[in-house]
């Protein structure tokens, strides 16, 4: 099992989405956060299950929610780069240096 590390950006995006869902429905916010937690666990267990998106990051869609987790696997560590809403441009997860941040 790989260690999963979330970037500061990914943490902020999870919090922002969680707050938005909380304003809509506390139950939906809870389901969203549980879905993120379960998917992060699956990514840690089987990081190569999802396809490479771009040059080096993989994209794992969050079931039942319009978000995806973008991550890179480096050795025994998975670096979560971003959590992105599906209505954003497919490359919205990339910011200066994000994709190359863990390719050493």
Protein backbone atom coordinates (compact mmCIF):
# COMPACT_ATOMS: atom_id res chain seq x y z
CA UNK A 1 0.00 0.00 0.00
CA UNK A 2 1.29 3.42 -0.97
CA UNK A 3 1.39 6.41 1.34
CA UNK A 4 -1.04 9.10 0.12
CA UNK A 5 0.00 12.73 0.58
CA UNK A 6 -2.35 15.60 -0.24
CA UNK A 7 -1.00 18.88 -1.53
CA UNK A 8 -2.11 22.09 0.15
CA UNK A 9 -4.12 22.84 -2.98
CA UNK A 10 -5.95 19.48 -2.81
CA UNK A 11 -6.80 20.04 0.87
CA UNK A 12 -8.25 23.48 0.07
CA UNK A 13 -10.29 22.09 -2.81
CA UNK A 14 -11.73 19.29 -0.65
CA UNK A 15 -12.67 21.82 2.04
CA UNK A 16 -14.24 24.20 -0.49
CA UNK A 17 -16.33 21.45 -2.09
CA UNK A 18 -17.30 20.11 1.33
CA UNK A 19 -18.47 23.56 2.44
CA UNK A 20 -20.48 23.98 -0.75
CA UNK A 21 -22.19 20.61 -0.24
CA UNK A 22 -22.76 21.42 3.44
CA UNK A 23 -24.64 24.57 2.44
CA UNK A 24 -26.85 22.39 0.20
CA UNK A 25 -27.29 19.42 2.55
CA UNK A 26 -25.30 18.11 5.53
CA UNK A 27 -26.00 14.54 4.38
CA UNK A 28 -24.62 15.24 0.90
CA UNK A 29 -21.52 16.87 2.40
CA UNK A 30 -20.97 13.78 4.54
CA UNK A 31 -21.40 11.47 1.51
CA UNK A 32 -18.96 13.60 -0.50
CA UNK A 33 -16.27 13.49 2.18
CA UNK A 34 -16.79 9.74 2.63
CA UNK A 35 -16.51 9.20 -1.14
CA UNK A 36 -13.24 11.18 -1.19
CA UNK A 37 -11.90 9.18 1.76
CA UNK A 38 -12.82 5.83 0.18
CA UNK A 39 -11.31 6.81 -3.17
CA UNK A 40 -8.08 8.02 -1.54
CA UNK A 41 -7.87 4.63 0.17
CA UNK A 42 -8.37 2.83 -3.15
CA UNK A 43 -5.75 5.03 -4.79
CA UNK A 44 -3.32 4.15 -2.00
CA UNK A 45 -4.03 0.44 -2.47
CA UNK A 46 -4.11 0.39 -6.30
CA UNK A 47 -2.61 3.61 -7.66
CA UNK A 48 -2.25 2.26 -11.21
CA UNK A 49 -5.94 1.41 -11.54
CA UNK A 50 -6.70 4.74 -13.25
CA UNK A 51 -5.30 5.98 -16.55
CA UNK A 52 -2.56 8.53 -16.95
CA UNK A 53 -3.95 11.95 -17.85
CA UNK A 54 -1.39 14.19 -19.53
CA UNK A 55 2.24 13.21 -19.16
CA UNK A 56 2.45 11.86 -15.63
CA UNK A 57 -0.65 12.41 -13.51
CA UNK A 58 -3.52 9.97 -13.14
CA UNK A 59 -7.18 10.94 -12.88
CA UNK A 60 -9.60 9.10 -10.59
CA UNK A 61 -13.25 10.23 -10.76
CA UNK A 62 -15.08 10.48 -7.43
CA UNK A 63 -18.15 8.18 -7.71
CA UNK A 64 -21.53 9.98 -7.73
CA UNK A 65 -19.89 13.43 -7.60
CA UNK A 66 -18.65 15.66 -10.45
CA UNK A 67 -15.06 15.77 -9.19
CA UNK A 68 -11.84 13.95 -9.99
CA UNK A 69 -8.67 13.40 -8.02
CA UNK A 70 -5.44 14.06 -9.92
CA UNK A 71 -2.34 12.37 -8.52
CA UNK A 72 1.14 11.10 -9.25
CA UNK A 73 2.76 7.92 -8.02
CA UNK A 74 6.43 8.20 -7.12
CA UNK A 75 7.92 5.08 -5.57
CA UNK A 76 5.81 4.09 -2.57
CA UNK A 77 4.12 7.49 -2.31
CA UNK A 78 1.06 8.90 -4.06
CA UNK A 79 1.01 12.70 -4.29
CA UNK A 80 -2.51 14.11 -4.70
CA UNK A 81 -2.10 17.25 -6.78
CA UNK A 82 -5.68 18.51 -7.05
CA UNK A 83 -9.38 17.78 -6.71
CA UNK A 84 -11.13 19.31 -9.74
CA UNK A 85 -14.79 19.79 -10.65
CA UNK A 86 -15.75 18.08 -13.92
CA UNK A 87 -17.14 21.29 -15.44
CA UNK A 88 -13.73 22.91 -15.36
CA UNK A 89 -11.33 22.52 -18.27
CA UNK A 90 -9.71 19.05 -18.19
CA UNK A 91 -6.31 20.64 -17.64
CA UNK A 92 -7.48 22.91 -14.78
CA UNK A 93 -5.56 20.76 -12.29
CA UNK A 94 -2.31 21.97 -13.78
CA UNK A 95 -0.74 25.09 -12.37
CA UNK A 96 2.82 26.25 -12.62
CA UNK A 97 4.95 23.27 -11.75
CA UNK A 98 2.12 20.99 -10.53
CA UNK A 99 2.64 18.22 -13.05
CA UNK A 100 6.40 18.18 -12.65
CA UNK A 101 6.32 18.64 -8.89
CA UNK A 102 7.09 15.01 -8.11
CA UNK A 103 8.71 13.59 -11.23
CA UNK A 104 12.29 13.51 -9.93
